[in-house]
Amino acid sequence: MKTVNSSGAERVVETAIRTNVLGLNQGMSGNISLRDGEGFLITPSAVAHEALTPEDIVPVTFSGEWPGYKKPSSEWRFHADIYQRHADAGAVIHAHPPWCTTLACLHREIPAFHYMVAVAGGDSIRCADYALFGTPALSDNILRALEGRKACLIANHGMVCFDEDLESALALAMEVENLARLYAQALSIGEPALLDHKQMAEVMERFSRYRDS
């Protein structure tokens, strides 16, 4: 059975609080996790982020086991599945930011209206189909939307993203929320012009060079 990595737990708490400060979450909404050996550390169920302490963070195995009486977030399943599907996932952030959630409630993906859409790994940021929170069906839908991607919206729910560490995942979450805001604003004026596959491939190739340099 896993025990708590105190340093990792502190970083999860700090990131959870920052998602509230930055407007990505509020109260108890959303959840944060960090890969930890053969499992991960995740925020607990029903505790407001601003009240979290490192002792509240729950270690969970990839098979869904945890010690003690504190329960992990009800969304632990898709965190576990993301880590197992994506070897490069070091941290996962699930949030309910207003602009991402607005588009998610319309079941709209974010297309290639801006070159920075490529930061999520492709030429769109997909919207996963709706399923009840905490269910295997929701996890399956999210995994499909994340194929070849590091972020997606979740229909009638919010967004989720992953990256190599908590800092990078938080930066990605902020970028996706900014893109959602810009796309919604553009839609209020007209239909945005989209970049084509070749143009977006060039952007992704340039991004890849930056990462490798």
N, C-alpha and C. Protein backbone atom coordinates (compact mmCIF):
# COMPACT_ATOMS: atom_id res chain seq x y z
N MET A 1 0.85 -1.20 0.00
CA MET A 1 0.00 0.00 0.00
C MET A 1 0.88 1.25 0.00
N LYS A 2 0.48 2.25 -0.77
CA LYS A 2 1.29 3.46 -0.88
C LYS A 2 1.27 4.29 0.40
N THR A 3 2.36 4.96 0.67
CA THR A 3 2.42 5.96 1.73
C THR A 3 2.63 7.33 1.09
N VAL A 4 2.39 8.38 1.85
CA VAL A 4 2.41 9.73 1.29
C VAL A 4 3.84 10.24 1.11
N ASN A 5 4.14 10.74 -0.07
CA ASN A 5 5.37 11.45 -0.38
C ASN A 5 5.15 12.89 0.07
N SER A 6 5.78 13.29 1.21
CA SER A 6 5.46 14.59 1.80
C SER A 6 5.82 15.76 0.89
N SER A 7 6.96 15.68 0.21
CA SER A 7 7.35 16.75 -0.70
C SER A 7 6.36 16.86 -1.86
N GLY A 8 5.99 15.73 -2.44
CA GLY A 8 5.02 15.73 -3.52
C GLY A 8 3.67 16.24 -3.06
N ALA A 9 3.26 15.84 -1.85
CA ALA A 9 1.97 16.29 -1.31
C ALA A 9 1.95 17.81 -1.15
N GLU A 10 3.05 18.38 -0.69
CA GLU A 10 3.13 19.83 -0.54
C GLU A 10 2.96 20.52 -1.89
N ARG A 11 3.59 19.96 -2.93
CA ARG A 11 3.48 20.57 -4.26
C ARG A 11 2.06 20.45 -4.82
N VAL A 12 1.39 19.35 -4.52
CA VAL A 12 -0.01 19.19 -4.96
C VAL A 12 -0.90 20.24 -4.29
N VAL A 13 -0.69 20.44 -2.98
CA VAL A 13 -1.47 21.44 -2.25
C VAL A 13 -1.22 22.83 -2.84
N GLU A 14 0.04 23.18 -3.04
CA GLU A 14 0.37 24.50 -3.59
C GLU A 14 -0.29 24.71 -4.94
N THR A 15 -0.27 23.69 -5.79
CA THR A 15 -0.87 23.83 -7.12
C THR A 15 -2.37 23.93 -7.04
N ALA A 16 -2.99 23.14 -6.16
CA ALA A 16 -4.44 23.21 -6.00
C ALA A 16 -4.88 24.61 -5.57
N ILE A 17 -4.16 25.19 -4.63
CA ILE A 17 -4.48 26.54 -4.18
C ILE A 17 -4.30 27.54 -5.32
N ARG A 18 -3.25 27.37 -6.10
CA ARG A 18 -3.00 28.28 -7.22
C ARG A 18 -4.11 28.20 -8.27
N THR A 19 -4.69 27.01 -8.48
CA THR A 19 -5.79 26.94 -9.46
C THR A 19 -6.96 27.80 -9.02
N ASN A 20 -7.19 27.89 -7.71
CA ASN A 20 -8.25 28.78 -7.22
C ASN A 20 -7.87 30.24 -7.38
N VAL A 21 -6.64 30.58 -7.00
CA VAL A 21 -6.17 31.97 -7.08
C VAL A 21 -6.21 32.46 -8.52
N LEU A 22 -5.86 31.58 -9.47
CA LEU A 22 -5.80 31.95 -10.88
C LEU A 22 -7.16 31.88 -11.57
N GLY A 23 -8.19 31.48 -10.86
CA GLY A 23 -9.53 31.45 -11.44
C GLY A 23 -9.85 30.22 -12.25
N LEU A 24 -9.01 29.18 -12.17
CA LEU A 24 -9.30 27.94 -12.88
C LEU A 24 -10.32 27.10 -12.13
N ASN A 25 -10.32 27.20 -10.81
CA ASN A 25 -11.24 26.47 -9.95
C ASN A 25 -11.76 27.40 -8.87
N GLN A 26 -12.75 26.92 -8.14
CA GLN A 26 -13.20 27.62 -6.94
C GLN A 26 -13.70 26.59 -5.94
N GLY A 27 -13.50 26.89 -4.65
CA GLY A 27 -13.96 25.98 -3.62
C GLY A 27 -13.36 24.60 -3.76
N MET A 28 -14.23 23.60 -3.89
CA MET A 28 -13.80 22.20 -3.99
C MET A 28 -13.77 21.70 -5.43
N SER A 29 -14.01 22.57 -6.41
CA SER A 29 -14.10 22.10 -7.79
C SER A 29 -12.72 21.70 -8.33
N GLY A 30 -12.72 20.73 -9.24
CA GLY A 30 -11.49 20.28 -9.86
C GLY A 30 -10.65 19.40 -8.94
N ASN A 31 -9.57 18.86 -9.47
CA ASN A 31 -8.67 18.01 -8.70
C ASN A 31 -7.30 18.00 -9.36
N ILE A 32 -6.27 17.75 -8.55
CA ILE A 32 -4.88 17.83 -8.97
C ILE A 32 -4.18 16.54 -8.57
N SER A 33 -3.32 16.03 -9.43
CA SER A 33 -2.55 14.85 -9.05
C SER A 33 -1.12 14.93 -9.57
N LEU A 34 -0.27 14.10 -8.97
CA LEU A 34 1.15 14.05 -9.31
C LEU A 34 1.58 12.59 -9.35
N ARG A 35 2.20 12.17 -10.44
CA ARG A 35 2.69 10.79 -10.53
C ARG A 35 3.68 10.54 -9.39
N ASP A 36 3.59 9.34 -8.79
CA ASP A 36 4.46 9.00 -7.67
C ASP A 36 4.72 7.50 -7.70
N GLY A 37 5.82 7.10 -8.31
CA GLY A 37 6.14 5.69 -8.39
C GLY A 37 5.10 4.91 -9.18
N GLU A 38 4.55 3.84 -8.57
CA GLU A 38 3.55 3.00 -9.23
C GLU A 38 2.13 3.49 -8.93
N GLY A 39 2.00 4.77 -8.75
CA GLY A 39 0.69 5.36 -8.48
C GLY A 39 0.79 6.87 -8.55
N PHE A 40 -0.04 7.55 -7.78
CA PHE A 40 -0.06 9.01 -7.84
C PHE A 40 -0.62 9.58 -6.56
N LEU A 41 -0.35 10.85 -6.32
CA LEU A 41 -0.91 11.60 -5.21
C LEU A 41 -2.01 12.50 -5.75
N ILE A 42 -3.16 12.54 -5.06
CA ILE A 42 -4.29 13.31 -5.58
C ILE A 42 -5.01 14.04 -4.46
N THR A 43 -5.61 15.16 -4.80
CA THR A 43 -6.41 15.90 -3.83
C THR A 43 -7.59 15.05 -3.37
N PRO A 44 -8.05 15.26 -2.13
CA PRO A 44 -9.11 14.43 -1.57
C PRO A 44 -10.51 14.86 -2.02
N SER A 45 -11.46 14.04 -1.70
CA SER A 45 -12.86 14.36 -1.95
C SER A 45 -13.38 15.32 -0.89
N ALA A 46 -14.17 16.31 -1.31
CA ALA A 46 -14.94 17.18 -0.41
C ALA A 46 -14.11 18.01 0.56
N VAL A 47 -12.94 18.50 0.10
CA VAL A 47 -12.15 19.44 0.90
C VAL A 47 -11.82 20.64 0.02
N ALA A 48 -12.19 21.84 0.47
CA ALA A 48 -11.90 23.04 -0.30
C ALA A 48 -10.39 23.21 -0.45
N HIS A 49 -9.95 23.65 -1.62
CA HIS A 49 -8.51 23.76 -1.88
C HIS A 49 -7.80 24.65 -0.88
N GLU A 50 -8.44 25.75 -0.49
CA GLU A 50 -7.76 26.67 0.42
C GLU A 50 -7.59 26.09 1.81
N ALA A 51 -8.33 25.01 2.11
CA ALA A 51 -8.22 24.36 3.43
C ALA A 51 -7.30 23.15 3.41
N LEU A 52 -6.73 22.81 2.26
CA LEU A 52 -5.91 21.61 2.14
C LEU A 52 -4.60 21.72 2.92
N THR A 53 -4.17 20.59 3.45
CA THR A 53 -2.83 20.44 4.01
C THR A 53 -2.19 19.23 3.34
N PRO A 54 -0.86 19.11 3.40
CA PRO A 54 -0.22 17.93 2.80
C PRO A 54 -0.77 16.60 3.35
N GLU A 55 -1.22 16.60 4.60
CA GLU A 55 -1.76 15.38 5.19
C GLU A 55 -3.07 14.96 4.56
N ASP A 56 -3.74 15.89 3.85
CA ASP A 56 -5.01 15.56 3.19
C ASP A 56 -4.81 14.85 1.86
N ILE A 57 -3.63 14.96 1.27
CA ILE A 57 -3.39 14.40 -0.05
C ILE A 57 -3.35 12.88 0.02
N VAL A 58 -4.04 12.23 -0.91
CA VAL A 58 -4.23 10.79 -0.85
C VAL A 58 -3.34 10.07 -1.87
N PRO A 59 -2.54 9.10 -1.42
CA PRO A 59 -1.78 8.28 -2.37
C PRO A 59 -2.68 7.16 -2.90
N VAL A 60 -2.69 7.00 -4.22
CA VAL A 60 -3.56 6.01 -4.86
C VAL A 60 -2.72 5.17 -5.81
N THR A 61 -2.96 3.87 -5.82
CA THR A 61 -2.29 3.00 -6.77
C THR A 61 -3.03 3.06 -8.11
N PHE A 62 -2.39 2.62 -9.17
CA PHE A 62 -3.03 2.64 -10.47
C PHE A 62 -4.25 1.71 -10.53
N SER A 63 -4.31 0.75 -9.62
CA SER A 63 -5.48 -0.14 -9.57
C SER A 63 -6.60 0.42 -8.71
N GLY A 64 -6.39 1.60 -8.12
CA GLY A 64 -7.46 2.26 -7.38
C GLY A 64 -7.53 1.92 -5.92
N GLU A 65 -6.39 1.66 -5.28
CA GLU A 65 -6.36 1.39 -3.85
C GLU A 65 -5.72 2.56 -3.13
N TRP A 66 -6.22 2.85 -1.91
CA TRP A 66 -5.62 3.90 -1.11
C TRP A 66 -5.72 3.53 0.36
N PRO A 67 -4.78 4.01 1.19
CA PRO A 67 -4.78 3.67 2.61
C PRO A 67 -5.66 4.62 3.40
N GLY A 68 -6.05 4.21 4.58
CA GLY A 68 -6.71 5.12 5.51
C GLY A 68 -8.16 5.41 5.17
N TYR A 69 -8.70 6.37 5.89
CA TYR A 69 -10.11 6.70 5.77
C TYR A 69 -10.38 7.86 4.82
N LYS A 70 -9.34 8.62 4.45
CA LYS A 70 -9.55 9.75 3.55
C LYS A 70 -9.72 9.25 2.13
N LYS A 71 -10.77 9.72 1.48
CA LYS A 71 -11.05 9.28 0.12
C LYS A 71 -10.42 10.23 -0.89
N PRO A 72 -9.89 9.69 -1.98
CA PRO A 72 -9.38 10.55 -3.05
C PRO A 72 -10.55 11.21 -3.78
N SER A 73 -10.23 12.19 -4.59
CA SER A 73 -11.25 12.79 -5.45
C SER A 73 -12.05 11.70 -6.16
N SER A 74 -13.33 11.96 -6.35
CA SER A 74 -14.18 10.99 -7.06
C SER A 74 -13.72 10.80 -8.50
N GLU A 75 -12.86 11.70 -9.00
CA GLU A 75 -12.36 11.59 -10.38
C GLU A 75 -11.03 10.85 -10.46
N TRP A 76 -10.63 10.15 -9.41
CA TRP A 76 -9.32 9.49 -9.39
C TRP A 76 -9.13 8.56 -10.58
N ARG A 77 -10.23 7.98 -11.09
CA ARG A 77 -10.11 6.96 -12.13
C ARG A 77 -9.48 7.51 -13.40
N PHE A 78 -9.93 8.70 -13.86
CA PHE A 78 -9.34 9.17 -15.11
C PHE A 78 -7.91 9.65 -14.91
N HIS A 79 -7.55 10.06 -13.70
CA HIS A 79 -6.14 10.37 -13.43
C HIS A 79 -5.31 9.10 -13.59
N ALA A 80 -5.76 8.01 -12.96
CA ALA A 80 -5.03 6.74 -13.07
C ALA A 80 -4.90 6.29 -14.52
N ASP A 81 -5.98 6.42 -15.28
CA ASP A 81 -5.96 5.97 -16.67
C ASP A 81 -5.06 6.83 -17.54
N ILE A 82 -5.04 8.14 -17.28
CA ILE A 82 -4.14 9.03 -18.03
C ILE A 82 -2.69 8.65 -17.78
N TYR A 83 -2.33 8.42 -16.52
CA TYR A 83 -0.95 8.05 -16.21
C TYR A 83 -0.55 6.74 -16.89
N GLN A 84 -1.47 5.80 -16.91
CA GLN A 84 -1.14 4.51 -17.51
C GLN A 84 -1.11 4.57 -19.04
N ARG A 85 -1.91 5.45 -19.64
CA ARG A 85 -1.92 5.57 -21.09
C ARG A 85 -0.78 6.44 -21.61
N HIS A 86 -0.41 7.46 -20.83
CA HIS A 86 0.57 8.45 -21.29
C HIS A 86 1.81 8.43 -20.39
N ALA A 87 2.86 7.80 -20.87
CA ALA A 87 4.09 7.68 -20.08
C ALA A 87 4.71 9.03 -19.76
N ASP A 88 4.42 10.06 -20.58
CA ASP A 88 5.00 11.38 -20.36
C ASP A 88 4.18 12.23 -19.40
N ALA A 89 3.10 11.68 -18.87
CA ALA A 89 2.27 12.44 -17.92
C ALA A 89 2.88 12.35 -16.54
N GLY A 90 3.36 13.48 -16.02
CA GLY A 90 3.89 13.53 -14.67
C GLY A 90 2.94 14.18 -13.69
N ALA A 91 1.97 14.93 -14.22
CA ALA A 91 0.98 15.61 -13.38
C ALA A 91 -0.28 15.83 -14.21
N VAL A 92 -1.43 15.78 -13.53
CA VAL A 92 -2.73 15.98 -14.19
C VAL A 92 -3.49 17.06 -13.45
N ILE A 93 -4.08 17.99 -14.20
CA ILE A 93 -4.93 19.03 -13.61
C ILE A 93 -6.30 18.95 -14.25
N HIS A 94 -7.31 18.79 -13.42
CA HIS A 94 -8.71 18.87 -13.86
C HIS A 94 -9.31 20.11 -13.24
N ALA A 95 -9.94 20.94 -14.05
CA ALA A 95 -10.46 22.21 -13.56
C ALA A 95 -11.79 22.55 -14.22
N HIS A 96 -12.47 23.53 -13.63
CA HIS A 96 -13.74 24.02 -14.16
C HIS A 96 -13.63 25.51 -14.48
N PRO A 97 -12.65 25.91 -15.29
CA PRO A 97 -12.48 27.34 -15.58
C PRO A 97 -13.64 27.85 -16.44
N PRO A 98 -14.03 29.12 -16.27
CA PRO A 98 -15.27 29.60 -16.88
C PRO A 98 -15.34 29.52 -18.40
N TRP A 99 -14.26 29.86 -19.11
CA TRP A 99 -14.34 29.88 -20.56
C TRP A 99 -14.28 28.48 -21.15
N CYS A 100 -13.42 27.63 -20.61
CA CYS A 100 -13.41 26.23 -21.05
C CYS A 100 -14.75 25.57 -20.79
N THR A 101 -15.31 25.84 -19.62
CA THR A 101 -16.58 25.20 -19.26
C THR A 101 -17.72 25.73 -20.12
N THR A 102 -17.66 27.02 -20.49
CA THR A 102 -18.67 27.57 -21.39
C THR A 102 -18.69 26.82 -22.71
N LEU A 103 -17.52 26.63 -23.32
CA LEU A 103 -17.45 25.89 -24.58
C LEU A 103 -17.84 24.43 -24.38
N ALA A 104 -17.43 23.85 -23.25
CA ALA A 104 -17.76 22.45 -22.97
C ALA A 104 -19.27 22.25 -22.85
N CYS A 105 -19.95 23.24 -22.31
CA CYS A 105 -21.41 23.14 -22.19
C CYS A 105 -22.11 23.26 -23.55
N LEU A 106 -21.40 23.78 -24.54
CA LEU A 106 -21.90 23.85 -25.91
C LEU A 106 -21.40 22.67 -26.75
N HIS A 107 -20.61 21.78 -26.11
CA HIS A 107 -20.01 20.63 -26.80
C HIS A 107 -19.15 21.09 -27.99
N ARG A 108 -18.44 22.20 -27.80
CA ARG A 108 -17.59 22.74 -28.85
C ARG A 108 -16.14 22.48 -28.55
N GLU A 109 -15.41 21.94 -29.50
CA GLU A 109 -13.97 21.85 -29.37
C GLU A 109 -13.37 23.22 -29.68
N ILE A 110 -12.06 23.36 -29.44
CA ILE A 110 -11.34 24.57 -29.82
C ILE A 110 -10.54 24.23 -31.07
N PRO A 111 -10.94 24.75 -32.23
CA PRO A 111 -10.23 24.41 -33.47
C PRO A 111 -8.98 25.28 -33.64
N ALA A 112 -8.34 25.14 -34.78
CA ALA A 112 -7.07 25.85 -35.04
C ALA A 112 -7.32 27.30 -35.44
N PHE A 113 -8.00 28.04 -34.58
CA PHE A 113 -8.24 29.46 -34.86
C PHE A 113 -7.01 30.30 -34.52
N HIS A 114 -6.10 29.73 -33.71
CA HIS A 114 -4.89 30.42 -33.26
C HIS A 114 -3.78 29.38 -33.19
N TYR A 115 -2.58 29.79 -33.57
CA TYR A 115 -1.49 28.81 -33.63
C TYR A 115 -1.18 28.18 -32.27
N MET A 116 -1.49 28.87 -31.16
CA MET A 116 -1.16 28.33 -29.85
C MET A 116 -2.01 27.13 -29.47
N VAL A 117 -3.05 26.82 -30.25
CA VAL A 117 -3.81 25.58 -30.01
C VAL A 117 -2.86 24.38 -30.05
N ALA A 118 -1.78 24.50 -30.81
CA ALA A 118 -0.80 23.42 -30.93
C ALA A 118 -0.10 23.10 -29.62
N VAL A 119 -0.17 23.99 -28.63
CA VAL A 119 0.48 23.73 -27.36
C VAL A 119 -0.10 22.48 -26.68
N ALA A 120 -1.33 22.12 -27.04
CA ALA A 120 -1.96 20.93 -26.48
C ALA A 120 -1.63 19.68 -27.27
N GLY A 121 -0.83 19.80 -28.33
CA GLY A 121 -0.33 18.63 -29.03
C GLY A 121 -0.93 18.34 -30.38
N GLY A 122 -1.87 19.15 -30.87
CA GLY A 122 -2.48 18.87 -32.16
C GLY A 122 -3.09 20.11 -32.77
N ASP A 123 -3.95 19.91 -33.78
CA ASP A 123 -4.55 21.07 -34.45
C ASP A 123 -5.96 21.36 -33.94
N SER A 124 -6.31 20.80 -32.78
CA SER A 124 -7.56 21.13 -32.10
C SER A 124 -7.44 20.70 -30.65
N ILE A 125 -8.29 21.27 -29.83
CA ILE A 125 -8.45 20.81 -28.45
C ILE A 125 -9.86 20.22 -28.39
N ARG A 126 -9.93 18.90 -28.37
CA ARG A 126 -11.22 18.22 -28.50
C ARG A 126 -12.09 18.39 -27.26
N CYS A 127 -13.37 18.11 -27.43
CA CYS A 127 -14.31 18.07 -26.31
C CYS A 127 -14.74 16.62 -26.11
N ALA A 128 -14.41 16.03 -24.97
CA ALA A 128 -14.81 14.66 -24.66
C ALA A 128 -16.32 14.58 -24.50
N ASP A 129 -16.90 13.50 -24.92
CA ASP A 129 -18.34 13.29 -24.76
C ASP A 129 -18.71 13.27 -23.28
N TYR A 130 -19.97 13.63 -23.01
CA TYR A 130 -20.46 13.65 -21.63
C TYR A 130 -20.62 12.24 -21.07
N ALA A 131 -20.27 12.09 -19.80
CA ALA A 131 -20.62 10.92 -18.99
C ALA A 131 -20.61 11.37 -17.54
N LEU A 132 -21.30 10.66 -16.69
CA LEU A 132 -21.39 11.01 -15.28
C LEU A 132 -20.00 11.06 -14.65
N PHE A 133 -19.76 12.06 -13.80
CA PHE A 133 -18.45 12.20 -13.16
C PHE A 133 -18.11 10.95 -12.34
N GLY A 134 -16.81 10.63 -12.31
CA GLY A 134 -16.34 9.52 -11.50
C GLY A 134 -16.58 8.14 -12.09
N THR A 135 -17.07 8.06 -13.32
CA THR A 135 -17.40 6.76 -13.91
C THR A 135 -16.34 6.29 -14.89
N PRO A 136 -16.26 4.97 -15.12
CA PRO A 136 -15.36 4.47 -16.16
C PRO A 136 -15.69 5.04 -17.54
N ALA A 137 -16.99 5.30 -17.79
CA ALA A 137 -17.39 5.85 -19.08
C ALA A 137 -16.76 7.22 -19.30
N LEU A 138 -16.74 8.05 -18.27
CA LEU A 138 -16.12 9.37 -18.41
C LEU A 138 -14.63 9.24 -18.69
N SER A 139 -13.98 8.34 -17.96
CA SER A 139 -12.55 8.13 -18.19
C SER A 139 -12.29 7.68 -19.62
N ASP A 140 -13.10 6.77 -20.13
CA ASP A 140 -12.94 6.29 -21.51
C ASP A 140 -13.10 7.44 -22.50
N ASN A 141 -14.09 8.30 -22.26
CA ASN A 141 -14.32 9.43 -23.17
C ASN A 141 -13.15 10.40 -23.16
N ILE A 142 -12.60 10.63 -21.97
CA ILE A 142 -11.46 11.54 -21.85
C ILE A 142 -10.24 10.96 -22.55
N LEU A 143 -9.99 9.68 -22.37
CA LEU A 143 -8.84 9.05 -23.04
C LEU A 143 -8.95 9.17 -24.56
N ARG A 144 -10.16 9.01 -25.09
CA ARG A 144 -10.33 9.16 -26.55
C ARG A 144 -10.03 10.58 -26.98
N ALA A 145 -10.51 11.56 -26.22
CA ALA A 145 -10.28 12.96 -26.58
C ALA A 145 -8.82 13.36 -26.44
N LEU A 146 -8.06 12.64 -25.60
CA LEU A 146 -6.65 12.95 -25.37
C LEU A 146 -5.72 12.18 -26.29
N GLU A 147 -6.24 11.41 -27.21
CA GLU A 147 -5.36 10.71 -28.14
C GLU A 147 -4.55 11.73 -28.96
N GLY A 148 -3.23 11.69 -28.83
CA GLY A 148 -2.38 12.65 -29.51
C GLY A 148 -2.47 14.06 -28.96
N ARG A 149 -3.00 14.20 -27.77
CA ARG A 149 -3.19 15.52 -27.15
C ARG A 149 -2.76 15.50 -25.70
N LYS A 150 -2.56 16.70 -25.13
CA LYS A 150 -2.27 16.84 -23.70
C LYS A 150 -3.38 17.56 -22.95
N ALA A 151 -4.44 17.97 -23.66
CA ALA A 151 -5.54 18.68 -23.02
C ALA A 151 -6.82 18.44 -23.79
N CYS A 152 -7.93 18.47 -23.07
CA CYS A 152 -9.24 18.40 -23.73
C CYS A 152 -10.27 19.08 -22.84
N LEU A 153 -11.37 19.46 -23.46
CA LEU A 153 -12.54 19.89 -22.71
C LEU A 153 -13.36 18.65 -22.37
N ILE A 154 -14.27 18.78 -21.41
CA ILE A 154 -15.13 17.67 -21.01
C ILE A 154 -16.57 18.19 -21.06
N ALA A 155 -17.40 17.60 -21.91
CA ALA A 155 -18.75 18.11 -22.16
C ALA A 155 -19.53 18.30 -20.86
N ASN A 156 -20.14 19.49 -20.74
CA ASN A 156 -20.98 19.83 -19.59
C ASN A 156 -20.24 19.68 -18.27
N HIS A 157 -18.94 19.96 -18.28
CA HIS A 157 -18.15 19.66 -17.08
C HIS A 157 -16.99 20.64 -16.89
N GLY A 158 -15.96 20.59 -17.76
CA GLY A 158 -14.79 21.44 -17.56
C GLY A 158 -13.67 21.06 -18.51
N MET A 159 -12.45 20.96 -17.99
CA MET A 159 -11.30 20.61 -18.82
C MET A 159 -10.33 19.76 -18.01
N VAL A 160 -9.42 19.07 -18.72
CA VAL A 160 -8.36 18.33 -18.08
C VAL A 160 -7.12 18.42 -18.96
N CYS A 161 -5.96 18.46 -18.32
CA CYS A 161 -4.71 18.47 -19.07
C CYS A 161 -3.63 17.77 -18.27
N PHE A 162 -2.56 17.37 -18.95
CA PHE A 162 -1.43 16.77 -18.26
C PHE A 162 -0.15 17.30 -18.88
N ASP A 163 0.93 17.19 -18.11
CA ASP A 163 2.26 17.52 -18.62
C ASP A 163 3.29 16.84 -17.75
N GLU A 164 4.55 17.15 -17.97
CA GLU A 164 5.62 16.41 -17.30
C GLU A 164 5.71 16.71 -15.81
N ASP A 165 5.26 17.88 -15.37
CA ASP A 165 5.29 18.22 -13.95
C ASP A 165 4.14 19.18 -13.66
N LEU A 166 3.97 19.49 -12.38
CA LEU A 166 2.85 20.34 -11.97
C LEU A 166 2.94 21.74 -12.55
N GLU A 167 4.15 22.30 -12.59
CA GLU A 167 4.31 23.66 -13.11
C GLU A 167 3.91 23.72 -14.58
N SER A 168 4.36 22.75 -15.36
CA SER A 168 4.04 22.73 -16.78
C SER A 168 2.56 22.47 -17.01
N ALA A 169 1.97 21.58 -16.21
CA ALA A 169 0.55 21.30 -16.35
C ALA A 169 -0.29 22.53 -16.01
N LEU A 170 0.11 23.26 -14.99
CA LEU A 170 -0.62 24.48 -14.63
C LEU A 170 -0.51 25.52 -15.74
N ALA A 171 0.68 25.68 -16.31
CA ALA A 171 0.87 26.62 -17.41
C ALA A 171 0.01 26.23 -18.61
N LEU A 172 -0.08 24.93 -18.88
CA LEU A 172 -0.92 24.46 -19.99
C LEU A 172 -2.39 24.73 -19.71
N ALA A 173 -2.83 24.48 -18.50
CA ALA A 173 -4.22 24.75 -18.14
C ALA A 173 -4.56 26.23 -18.34
N MET A 174 -3.65 27.11 -17.96
CA MET A 174 -3.87 28.55 -18.13
C MET A 174 -3.93 28.91 -19.61
N GLU A 175 -3.07 28.31 -20.42
CA GLU A 175 -3.07 28.60 -21.86
C GLU A 175 -4.35 28.12 -22.52
N VAL A 176 -4.82 26.93 -22.14
CA VAL A 176 -6.06 26.41 -22.72
C VAL A 176 -7.25 27.30 -22.33
N GLU A 177 -7.28 27.76 -21.09
CA GLU A 177 -8.36 28.66 -20.68
C GLU A 177 -8.30 29.98 -21.46
N ASN A 178 -7.10 30.50 -21.68
CA ASN A 178 -6.98 31.73 -22.46
C ASN A 178 -7.46 31.52 -23.89
N LEU A 179 -7.10 30.37 -24.49
CA LEU A 179 -7.56 30.07 -25.84
C LEU A 179 -9.07 29.94 -25.89
N ALA A 180 -9.66 29.32 -24.87
CA ALA A 180 -11.12 29.19 -24.82
C ALA A 180 -11.77 30.57 -24.78
N ARG A 181 -11.19 31.47 -23.99
CA ARG A 181 -11.73 32.84 -23.89
C ARG A 181 -11.63 33.55 -25.24
N LEU A 182 -10.47 33.49 -25.88
CA LEU A 182 -10.29 34.15 -27.17
C LEU A 182 -11.22 33.58 -28.23
N TYR A 183 -11.38 32.26 -28.23
CA TYR A 183 -12.25 31.63 -29.23
C TYR A 183 -13.70 32.04 -29.00
N ALA A 184 -14.15 32.06 -27.77
CA ALA A 184 -15.52 32.48 -27.47
C ALA A 184 -15.74 33.94 -27.86
N GLN A 185 -14.74 34.78 -27.61
CA GLN A 185 -14.85 36.19 -28.00
C GLN A 185 -14.92 36.32 -29.52
N ALA A 186 -14.09 35.56 -30.23
CA ALA A 186 -14.11 35.62 -31.69
C ALA A 186 -15.46 35.16 -32.23
N LEU A 187 -16.03 34.13 -31.62
CA LEU A 187 -17.34 33.64 -32.07
C LEU A 187 -18.44 34.67 -31.86
N SER A 188 -18.26 35.55 -30.89
CA SER A 188 -19.29 36.57 -30.65
C SER A 188 -19.31 37.62 -31.76
N ILE A 189 -18.23 37.69 -32.54
CA ILE A 189 -18.15 38.64 -33.66
C ILE A 189 -18.45 37.96 -34.99
N GLY A 190 -17.95 36.75 -35.15
CA GLY A 190 -18.14 36.02 -36.40
C GLY A 190 -17.51 34.65 -36.32
N GLU A 191 -17.35 34.01 -37.45
CA GLU A 191 -16.72 32.69 -37.49
C GLU A 191 -15.23 32.88 -37.76
N PRO A 192 -14.36 32.47 -36.82
CA PRO A 192 -12.93 32.70 -37.00
C PRO A 192 -12.35 31.95 -38.20
N ALA A 193 -11.37 32.55 -38.86
CA ALA A 193 -10.62 31.85 -39.90
C ALA A 193 -9.70 30.84 -39.23
N LEU A 194 -9.64 29.63 -39.78
CA LEU A 194 -8.85 28.57 -39.18
C LEU A 194 -7.57 28.32 -39.96
N LEU A 195 -6.52 27.98 -39.24
CA LEU A 195 -5.28 27.54 -39.87
C LEU A 195 -5.48 26.12 -40.40
N ASP A 196 -4.83 25.79 -41.51
CA ASP A 196 -5.01 24.46 -42.08
C ASP A 196 -4.02 23.47 -41.46
N HIS A 197 -4.13 22.20 -41.85
CA HIS A 197 -3.30 21.15 -41.26
C HIS A 197 -1.81 21.41 -41.50
N LYS A 198 -1.46 21.87 -42.69
CA LYS A 198 -0.06 22.14 -43.00
C LYS A 198 0.49 23.26 -42.11
N GLN A 199 -0.27 24.30 -41.94
CA GLN A 199 0.17 25.42 -41.11
C GLN A 199 0.35 24.99 -39.65
N MET A 200 -0.59 24.19 -39.16
CA MET A 200 -0.48 23.73 -37.78
C MET A 200 0.66 22.73 -37.61
N ALA A 201 0.91 21.91 -38.63
CA ALA A 201 2.04 20.98 -38.57
C ALA A 201 3.35 21.75 -38.47
N GLU A 202 3.44 22.87 -39.17
CA GLU A 202 4.64 23.70 -39.10
C GLU A 202 4.82 24.27 -37.69
N VAL A 203 3.71 24.67 -37.07
CA VAL A 203 3.78 25.20 -35.70
C VAL A 203 4.26 24.11 -34.74
N MET A 204 3.67 22.92 -34.87
CA MET A 204 4.03 21.83 -33.96
C MET A 204 5.49 21.42 -34.14
N GLU A 205 5.97 21.47 -35.39
CA GLU A 205 7.38 21.15 -35.63
C GLU A 205 8.28 22.20 -34.99
N ARG A 206 7.89 23.46 -35.06
CA ARG A 206 8.66 24.53 -34.41
C ARG A 206 8.65 24.37 -32.89
N PHE A 207 7.49 24.04 -32.34
CA PHE A 207 7.39 23.82 -30.90
C PHE A 207 8.32 22.66 -30.47
N SER A 208 8.33 21.60 -31.29
CA SER A 208 9.17 20.44 -30.99
C SER A 208 10.64 20.82 -30.95
N ARG A 209 11.06 21.68 -31.84
CA ARG A 209 12.46 22.13 -31.86
C ARG A 209 12.80 22.92 -30.62
N TYR A 210 11.85 23.75 -30.16
CA TYR A 210 12.07 24.52 -28.93
C TYR A 210 12.27 23.58 -27.74
N ARG A 211 11.43 22.53 -27.66
CA ARG A 211 11.51 21.59 -26.54
C ARG A 211 12.83 20.81 -26.55
N ASP A 212 13.32 20.52 -27.75
CA ASP A 212 14.53 19.70 -27.87
C ASP A 212 15.81 20.51 -27.76
N SER A 213 15.69 21.83 -27.81
CA SER A 213 16.91 22.66 -27.79
C SER A 213 17.42 22.87 -26.37
